[in-house]
Protein backbone atom coordinates (compact mmCIF):
# COMPACT_ATOMS: atom_id res chain seq x y z
CA MET A 1 0.00 0.00 0.00
CA ALA A 2 2.82 2.34 0.94
CA ARG A 3 4.54 1.57 -2.36
CA LYS A 4 1.40 2.51 -4.33
CA SER A 5 1.18 5.76 -2.35
CA VAL A 6 4.79 6.64 -3.20
CA LEU A 7 4.28 5.82 -6.86
CA GLY A 8 1.12 7.94 -6.90
CA SER A 9 2.97 10.86 -5.38
CA VAL A 10 5.78 10.56 -7.89
CA LEU A 11 3.29 10.43 -10.74
CA ARG A 12 1.50 13.54 -9.47
CA LEU A 13 4.80 15.39 -9.17
CA CYS A 14 5.73 14.40 -12.72
CA LEU A 15 2.39 15.61 -14.04
CA LEU A 16 2.69 18.88 -12.13
CA GLY A 17 6.18 19.35 -13.53
CA LEU A 18 4.92 18.69 -17.04
CA VAL A 19 2.08 21.19 -16.65
CA ALA A 20 4.52 23.80 -15.31
CA LEU A 21 6.83 23.19 -18.26
CA LEU A 22 3.99 23.49 -20.72
CA LEU A 23 2.72 26.67 -19.10
CA THR A 24 6.19 28.19 -19.26
CA ALA A 25 6.65 27.12 -22.87
CA GLY A 26 3.20 28.39 -23.71
CA TRP A 27 3.96 31.79 -22.18
CA LEU A 28 7.29 32.07 -24.00
CA THR A 29 5.97 30.98 -27.38
CA GLY A 30 2.88 33.10 -26.85
CA CYS A 31 5.09 36.15 -26.42
CA GLN A 32 7.03 35.21 -29.53
CA SER A 33 3.89 34.63 -31.56
CA ARG A 34 2.44 38.00 -30.59
CA GLN A 35 5.60 39.64 -31.88
CA SER A 36 5.58 37.63 -35.12
CA ALA A 37 2.42 38.20 -37.13
CA PRO A 38 0.37 36.61 -38.53
CA PHE A 39 -0.45 34.17 -35.73
CA HIS A 40 -4.13 34.92 -35.24
CA ALA A 41 -7.03 32.97 -36.72
CA GLU A 42 -9.42 34.37 -39.31
CA SER A 43 -13.12 34.33 -38.51
CA THR A 44 -13.82 32.13 -41.55
CA VAL A 45 -12.25 28.97 -42.94
CA VAL A 46 -11.29 28.25 -46.51
CA PRO A 47 -14.28 26.98 -48.55
CA PHE A 48 -14.36 23.19 -49.00
CA SER A 49 -17.95 22.06 -49.73
CA VAL A 50 -18.19 23.65 -53.18
CA LYS A 51 -18.81 21.98 -56.53
CA PRO A 52 -18.19 21.67 -59.42
CA PHE A 53 -14.42 21.59 -59.02
CA SER A 54 -13.90 24.75 -61.08
CA ALA A 55 -16.15 26.66 -58.68
CA TYR A 56 -14.26 25.15 -55.75
CA GLN A 57 -10.94 26.32 -57.20
CA THR A 58 -12.29 29.83 -57.74
CA ALA A 59 -13.76 30.03 -54.23
CA VAL A 60 -10.52 28.88 -52.61
CA ASN A 61 -8.33 31.20 -54.69
CA GLU A 62 -10.52 34.21 -53.91
CA TRP A 63 -10.44 33.36 -50.20
CA LEU A 64 -6.65 33.05 -50.28
CA LEU A 65 -6.29 36.38 -52.10
CA ALA A 66 -8.27 37.96 -49.27
CA HIS A 67 -6.58 36.16 -46.35
CA ARG A 68 -3.09 34.99 -47.28
CA HIS A 69 0.01 36.80 -46.03
CA PRO A 70 2.78 36.47 -48.66
CA VAL A 71 6.16 35.37 -47.30
CA LYS A 72 8.44 35.18 -50.35
CA PHE A 73 6.69 36.13 -53.59
CA ASP A 74 3.72 38.30 -54.54
CA LEU A 75 0.23 37.49 -53.26
CA ALA A 76 -1.16 36.15 -56.56
CA THR A 77 1.78 33.74 -57.01
CA GLU A 78 1.56 32.36 -53.50
CA ALA A 79 -2.23 32.07 -53.66
CA ALA A 80 -1.79 30.02 -56.85
CA PHE A 81 0.73 27.73 -55.12
CA ASN A 82 -1.85 26.96 -52.44
CA THR A 83 -4.96 26.71 -54.63
CA PRO A 84 -6.27 23.23 -55.53
CA PHE A 85 -5.50 22.21 -59.12
CA GLU A 86 -6.36 19.44 -61.54
CA CYS A 87 -4.94 18.02 -64.76
CA GLY A 88 -5.94 15.32 -67.22
CA GLN A 89 -9.57 16.39 -67.10
CA GLY A 90 -11.92 13.88 -68.72
CA ASN A 91 -9.66 10.86 -68.37
CA PRO A 92 -11.62 7.83 -67.09
CA ARG A 93 -9.17 7.03 -64.27
CA GLY A 94 -9.16 9.51 -61.40
CA ILE A 95 -6.78 10.22 -58.53
CA LEU A 96 -7.58 12.56 -55.65
CA LEU A 97 -4.50 13.70 -53.69
CA VAL A 98 -4.52 15.14 -50.14
CA HIS A 99 -1.60 17.05 -48.61
CA GLY A 100 -0.15 16.83 -45.11
CA LEU A 101 -0.05 18.94 -41.95
CA GLY A 102 1.06 22.49 -42.72
CA ASP A 103 1.44 21.75 -46.44
CA SER A 104 -0.51 22.63 -49.61
CA PRO A 105 -1.64 21.30 -53.00
CA TYR A 106 1.71 22.46 -54.40
CA PHE A 107 3.25 19.35 -52.83
CA PHE A 108 1.72 17.30 -55.68
CA ARG A 109 2.88 19.45 -58.61
CA ASP A 110 5.68 17.06 -59.59
CA ILE A 111 3.73 13.87 -58.86
CA SER A 112 0.66 14.88 -60.87
CA ALA A 113 2.34 15.76 -64.19
CA PRO A 114 3.51 12.24 -65.19
CA LEU A 115 0.25 10.74 -63.92
CA CYS A 116 -1.84 12.99 -66.15
CA GLU A 117 0.46 12.29 -69.09
CA ARG A 118 -0.33 8.61 -68.64
CA GLY A 119 -4.08 9.06 -68.80
CA PHE A 120 -5.12 9.85 -65.22
CA TRP A 121 -7.34 12.70 -64.10
CA VAL A 122 -5.68 14.16 -61.00
CA ARG A 123 -7.25 16.53 -58.50
CA THR A 124 -5.85 18.11 -55.34
CA ILE A 125 -7.58 19.85 -52.43
CA LEU A 126 -6.72 22.34 -49.67
CA LEU A 127 -7.52 21.35 -46.08
CA PRO A 128 -9.03 24.06 -43.82
CA GLY A 129 -6.41 25.89 -41.77
CA HIS A 130 -3.84 25.68 -44.56
CA GLY A 131 -2.57 27.91 -47.34
CA SER A 132 -3.11 31.30 -45.75
CA GLN A 133 -1.28 32.03 -42.47
CA PRO A 134 -0.11 29.85 -39.56
CA GLY A 135 -2.73 31.39 -37.25
CA ASP A 136 -5.51 29.76 -39.26
CA MET A 137 -4.28 26.42 -37.95
CA LEU A 138 -5.95 27.45 -34.70
CA ASN A 139 -9.22 26.63 -36.53
CA ALA A 140 -8.02 23.16 -37.58
CA ARG A 141 -10.12 20.15 -36.60
CA TYR A 142 -9.78 16.54 -37.62
CA ASP A 143 -13.49 16.16 -38.33
CA LEU A 144 -13.42 19.19 -40.64
CA TRP A 145 -10.48 17.74 -42.56
CA GLN A 146 -12.20 14.38 -42.91
CA GLN A 147 -15.39 16.09 -44.00
CA THR A 148 -13.45 17.97 -46.68
CA VAL A 149 -11.92 14.79 -48.09
CA ASP A 150 -15.22 12.92 -48.00
CA PHE A 151 -17.01 15.74 -49.83
CA GLN A 152 -14.43 16.04 -52.61
CA VAL A 153 -14.27 12.27 -53.13
CA GLU A 154 -18.05 12.12 -53.37
CA ALA A 155 -18.00 14.93 -55.93
CA PHE A 156 -15.23 13.35 -58.03
CA ALA A 157 -16.40 9.72 -58.08
CA PRO A 158 -19.31 10.10 -60.58
CA ASN A 159 -16.94 11.61 -63.17
CA VAL A 160 -14.55 8.67 -63.47
CA GLU A 161 -14.72 4.92 -64.02
CA THR A 162 -11.86 4.09 -61.66
CA LEU A 163 -10.87 6.15 -58.61
CA PHE A 164 -7.69 6.08 -56.54
CA LEU A 165 -7.06 8.10 -53.40
CA GLY A 166 -3.62 9.36 -52.49
CA GLY A 167 -2.15 11.31 -49.63
CA PHE A 168 1.05 12.59 -48.09
CA SER A 169 1.65 12.19 -44.35
CA THR A 170 -1.57 13.29 -42.59
CA GLY A 171 -3.29 13.22 -45.97
CA ALA A 172 -2.52 9.50 -46.20
CA ASN A 173 -4.38 8.97 -42.92
CA LEU A 174 -7.40 10.90 -44.19
CA VAL A 175 -7.74 9.06 -47.52
CA THR A 176 -7.32 5.68 -45.81
CA VAL A 177 -10.22 6.50 -43.50
CA THR A 178 -12.39 7.71 -46.40
CA ALA A 179 -11.63 4.62 -48.49
CA SER A 180 -12.68 2.33 -45.64
CA SER A 181 -16.27 3.57 -45.89
CA ARG A 182 -16.63 3.37 -49.69
CA GLN A 183 -16.96 0.55 -52.21
CA ASP A 184 -15.78 2.47 -55.28
CA ILE A 185 -12.09 3.00 -54.50
CA SER A 186 -9.62 0.93 -56.51
CA GLY A 187 -6.47 1.58 -54.50
CA LEU A 188 -4.46 3.89 -52.27
CA ILE A 189 -1.26 5.88 -52.87
CA LEU A 190 0.48 6.63 -49.57
CA PHE A 191 3.52 8.92 -49.44
CA SER A 192 5.20 8.92 -46.00
CA PRO A 193 1.94 7.75 -44.37
CA ALA A 194 1.79 9.15 -40.84
CA PHE A 195 -0.25 6.32 -39.32
CA LEU A 196 1.94 6.42 -36.21
CA PRO A 197 4.04 9.45 -35.16
CA ASN A 198 7.67 9.32 -34.16
CA PHE A 199 7.21 11.88 -31.37
CA PHE A 200 5.13 11.91 -28.21
CA VAL A 201 3.84 15.50 -28.28
CA THR A 202 0.92 14.69 -30.60
CA ARG A 203 -0.63 12.42 -27.96
CA LEU A 204 -0.65 15.35 -25.53
CA ALA A 205 -1.77 17.90 -28.13
CA PRO A 206 -5.55 17.64 -27.60
CA TRP A 207 -5.04 18.36 -23.88
CA VAL A 208 -2.57 21.25 -24.01
CA THR A 209 -3.74 23.44 -26.89
CA ASP A 210 -4.80 26.22 -24.51
CA VAL A 211 -1.67 26.30 -22.33
CA TRP A 212 0.82 25.65 -25.16
CA PRO A 213 -0.77 27.01 -28.35
CA TRP A 214 2.49 27.49 -30.26
CA PRO A 215 5.09 24.77 -29.66
CA ASN A 216 6.99 25.77 -32.77
CA VAL A 217 7.25 29.37 -33.96
CA GLU A 218 9.68 30.02 -36.81
CA PRO A 219 10.18 32.82 -39.36
CA GLU A 220 7.85 32.23 -42.31
CA ASP A 221 9.66 32.12 -45.66
CA ASN A 222 8.15 29.07 -47.35
CA PRO A 223 5.41 29.90 -49.88
CA ALA A 224 3.92 26.39 -50.05
CA ARG A 225 3.91 25.30 -46.40
CA TYR A 226 4.02 26.69 -42.86
CA ASN A 227 7.24 26.71 -40.86
CA SER A 228 5.24 27.23 -37.65
CA ILE A 229 2.53 24.80 -36.54
CA ALA A 230 -0.02 25.52 -33.82
CA MET A 231 -0.67 22.84 -31.21
CA GLN A 232 -4.24 22.70 -32.52
CA GLY A 233 -2.81 21.42 -35.81
CA PHE A 234 -1.03 18.61 -33.96
CA ALA A 235 -4.27 17.88 -32.12
CA ALA A 236 -6.13 17.56 -35.42
CA TYR A 237 -3.39 15.31 -36.75
CA GLN A 238 -3.69 13.14 -33.62
CA GLY A 239 -7.39 12.80 -34.44
CA SER A 240 -6.43 11.40 -37.84
CA VAL A 241 -4.03 8.94 -36.17
CA GLU A 242 -6.74 7.63 -33.88
CA ALA A 243 -9.21 7.37 -36.78
CA VAL A 244 -6.84 5.51 -39.09
CA GLN A 245 -5.76 3.16 -36.29
CA HIS A 246 -9.41 2.33 -35.70
CA VAL A 247 -9.80 1.56 -39.40
CA ILE A 248 -6.69 -0.63 -39.40
CA GLU A 249 -7.89 -2.55 -36.36
CA GLN A 250 -11.48 -2.97 -37.59
CA THR A 251 -11.01 -3.36 -41.35
CA GLN A 252 -12.85 -6.26 -42.95
CA HIS A 253 -11.26 -5.90 -46.38
CA THR A 254 -8.24 -4.14 -47.79
CA LEU A 255 -7.36 -2.28 -50.96
CA PRO A 256 -4.10 -2.55 -52.86
CA HIS A 257 -1.78 0.27 -51.93
CA PHE A 258 1.44 1.83 -53.16
CA ALA A 259 3.36 3.20 -50.17
CA VAL A 260 6.66 5.04 -49.91
CA LEU A 261 8.59 5.23 -46.63
CA ALA A 262 11.90 6.99 -45.98
CA GLU A 263 14.32 5.26 -43.63
CA GLY A 264 15.45 8.59 -42.16
CA ASP A 265 11.93 9.96 -41.63
CA SER A 266 11.97 11.86 -38.31
CA VAL A 267 8.19 12.39 -38.31
CA VAL A 268 6.82 8.86 -38.75
CA ASP A 269 7.58 5.62 -36.91
CA VAL A 270 8.40 3.99 -40.23
CA GLN A 271 9.12 0.50 -38.96
CA ALA A 272 5.78 0.32 -37.12
CA VAL A 273 3.90 1.76 -40.11
CA ALA A 274 5.61 -0.70 -42.46
CA SER A 275 4.53 -3.55 -40.21
CA GLN A 276 0.91 -2.40 -40.35
CA LEU A 277 1.02 -2.02 -44.13
CA ASN A 278 2.52 -5.48 -44.60
CA THR A 279 0.26 -7.33 -42.16
CA GLN A 280 -2.99 -5.61 -41.18
CA LEU A 281 -3.44 -3.96 -44.61
CA TYR A 282 -2.04 -6.83 -46.65
CA HIS A 283 -3.00 -7.25 -50.28
CA SER A 284 -1.21 -9.38 -52.85
CA ASP A 285 -0.77 -6.35 -55.16
CA ASN A 286 0.70 -4.03 -52.52
CA VAL A 287 3.95 -2.19 -53.21
CA LEU A 288 6.04 -0.84 -50.32
CA LEU A 289 8.96 1.24 -51.56
CA TRP A 290 11.64 1.67 -48.88
CA MET A 291 13.91 4.66 -49.45
CA GLY A 292 16.97 3.53 -47.54
CA SER A 293 19.35 0.69 -46.89
CA ALA A 294 18.62 -2.98 -47.48
CA GLU A 295 19.80 -3.79 -43.97
CA THR A 296 16.94 -1.87 -42.35
CA ALA A 297 14.27 -2.54 -44.96
CA PRO A 298 11.02 -4.07 -43.66
CA GLU A 299 10.12 -7.54 -44.86
CA GLY A 300 8.32 -7.51 -48.17
CA SER A 301 9.42 -4.03 -49.26
CA ARG A 302 11.13 -3.00 -52.46
CA VAL A 303 14.37 -1.28 -51.55
CA GLN A 304 15.49 1.93 -53.22
CA PRO A 305 19.01 2.45 -51.84
CA PHE A 306 20.22 5.94 -51.08
CA PRO A 307 23.93 6.10 -51.97
CA VAL A 308 25.49 9.54 -51.47
CA SER A 309 26.62 9.57 -55.09
CA ARG A 310 23.33 11.17 -56.11
CA GLU A 311 23.14 14.89 -55.33
CA ARG A 312 24.97 14.42 -52.01
CA ALA A 313 21.82 13.01 -50.39
CA LEU A 314 22.78 11.31 -47.12
CA ALA A 315 19.30 9.88 -46.46
CA ALA A 316 15.72 10.42 -47.58
CA SER A 317 13.50 12.72 -45.50
CA HIS A 318 9.78 12.82 -44.76
CA MET A 319 8.95 15.37 -47.48
CA SER A 320 11.66 14.55 -50.01
CA VAL A 321 9.78 11.69 -51.67
CA LEU A 322 7.38 14.07 -53.43
CA PHE A 323 9.66 16.40 -55.35
CA SER A 324 11.86 16.18 -58.41
CA GLU A 325 15.37 17.61 -58.22
CA HIS A 326 14.16 20.09 -60.88
CA ASN A 327 11.38 21.56 -58.72
CA SER A 328 11.57 25.36 -58.71
CA LEU A 329 11.04 25.63 -54.95
CA TYR A 330 12.51 22.46 -53.46
CA GLY A 331 14.90 21.08 -56.11
CA THR A 332 18.68 21.27 -56.10
CA ASN A 333 18.56 24.82 -57.45
CA GLY A 334 15.23 25.70 -55.86
CA SER A 335 14.50 29.01 -54.19
CA VAL A 336 13.66 27.43 -50.80
CA ARG A 337 16.47 25.98 -48.68
CA ILE A 338 15.58 24.60 -45.24
CA CYS A 339 18.63 25.13 -43.03
CA ASP A 340 16.80 24.63 -39.71
CA ASN A 341 17.60 20.95 -39.71
CA GLY A 342 18.64 20.06 -36.16
CA GLN A 343 22.38 20.39 -36.79
CA PRO A 344 24.84 22.33 -34.58
CA ALA A 345 24.33 26.10 -34.64
CA ASP A 346 27.74 26.84 -36.15
CA ILE A 347 27.07 24.44 -39.03
CA GLU A 348 23.54 25.76 -39.56
CA ALA A 349 24.87 29.32 -39.77
CA GLN A 350 26.94 28.31 -42.80
CA CYS A 351 24.00 26.71 -44.60
CA PRO A 352 22.38 29.76 -46.29
CA SER A 353 25.59 30.84 -48.01
CA THR A 354 26.97 27.38 -48.86
CA SER A 355 27.21 26.68 -52.59
CA THR A 356 24.78 24.15 -54.04
CA ASN A 357 27.85 22.32 -55.35
CA THR A 358 29.10 21.58 -51.83
CA LEU A 359 25.88 21.49 -49.77
CA TRP A 360 24.74 18.11 -48.43
CA TYR A 361 21.16 17.00 -47.77
CA GLY A 362 19.35 14.77 -45.31
CA PRO A 363 16.38 14.40 -42.95
CA TRP A 364 15.93 16.33 -39.71
CA GLY A 365 18.82 15.68 -37.33
CA GLN A 366 21.15 14.43 -40.04
CA GLU A 367 24.77 15.37 -39.43
CA GLY A 368 27.62 14.80 -41.85
CA GLU A 369 30.88 14.91 -39.87
CA GLY A 370 31.65 18.54 -40.59
CA LYS A 371 29.51 18.71 -43.74
CA VAL A 372 26.93 21.48 -44.03
CA VAL A 373 23.58 19.67 -44.24
CA ALA A 374 20.25 21.17 -45.31
CA ARG A 375 16.90 19.39 -45.31
CA LEU A 376 16.53 17.06 -48.25
CA THR A 377 13.51 18.50 -50.05
CA PHE A 378 13.74 16.52 -53.30
CA ASN A 379 13.94 12.88 -54.33
CA PRO A 380 17.09 11.88 -56.27
CA TYR A 381 15.20 8.74 -57.28
CA PHE A 382 12.00 10.54 -58.29
CA ASP A 383 11.85 9.06 -61.81
CA GLU A 384 12.40 5.52 -60.52
CA MET A 385 9.62 6.00 -57.96
CA ILE A 386 7.21 7.33 -60.59
CA ALA A 387 7.92 4.35 -62.85
CA GLN A 388 6.99 1.95 -60.06
CA LEU A 389 3.91 3.98 -59.15
CA LEU A 390 2.67 3.95 -62.76
CA MET A 391 3.18 0.20 -62.94
CA PHE A 392 1.12 -0.24 -59.76
CA LEU A 393 -1.67 2.00 -61.07
CA GLU A 394 -1.84 0.19 -64.40
CA ASN A 395 -2.11 -3.18 -62.66
CA ALA A 396 -4.70 -1.95 -60.16
CA SER A 397 -6.73 -0.26 -62.91
CA GLN A 398 -7.03 -3.56 -64.77
CA ALA A 399 -8.10 -5.48 -61.68
CA LYS A 400 -11.75 -6.04 -60.92
CA ARG A 401 -13.31 -2.93 -59.43
CA PRO A 402 -14.42 -3.39 -55.79
CA ASP A 403 -18.04 -4.52 -55.42
């Protein structure tokens, strides 16, 4: 009995310490956020329940022109980056793509082009809280994100004979949940699926949004994603984790999926996610592409090694899988370089001025024994990945459509 009492006291002290830490962090980041506009929420959210798609695009673009705060280019250019787009209109095979936490439709610019060239009709969407200013993430809710995906899938489905759903990170969670409740989805495309996070803070997020609203406040200089994420955004993401885990545990049937995981992903517990993909979501036509070494590759995956001979990439990162090295923002000569990468301060200080011919790249926390390392924001094996994705889609398109 005495032992239980001592353990209870220790637990209470730990919880009190955690609350005190969160309150202190919340006060400090709150001060910082008040000094660094724009970190307030608009009174409205970006339109999402609009159809046809052309009207949806117009409504979103007009809302962004009225609410976005440009960070690098002019307002019209940045609004266009964040506005949903489509290509391959009229093709009988459709793909709806959903971005991740803090990101935008721009994340699918490179992926969509070869898909549309091969006869697919690709659409992207913008989740509420995104595309405008970090403060709008204070309005983020998991149920609103899921509602957005469900609405756009329902609107797209009657226009195509075969429909695939794809997502990056949080977007992969959302499309997996949507697909579980429909009978007209032919397969899933999952880039860095964030079924299980690699950090503990998201589990606390729903409980600490008021005392620690801004766990990460950074200067905003990225026109297609936020550098700062409100705790409410992490809370909404945690909602998607719980929803997709429920689907995985309760699923009665599975769809073929094409999934890409990066060994060095600091965001996702890639080994645990790979296990779920290979066992609980098993399908004979599944493809799991592992961007990393053969020694760490999960059973059943196709390994895409990452030798440093290509563009000085030390390891693949969470976001790198989506972009070509030729991307104007995130490619080798792109205008956005992410130097805040968890490396020592003296090395990070050298990053902005380091030549692209000598800069190295990797995931968050990657160090290179004296090398200057920026975030890897492009995929040196992009063309190889696209070739495997197209092969998967062709095979899945020819399979019998789900009843």
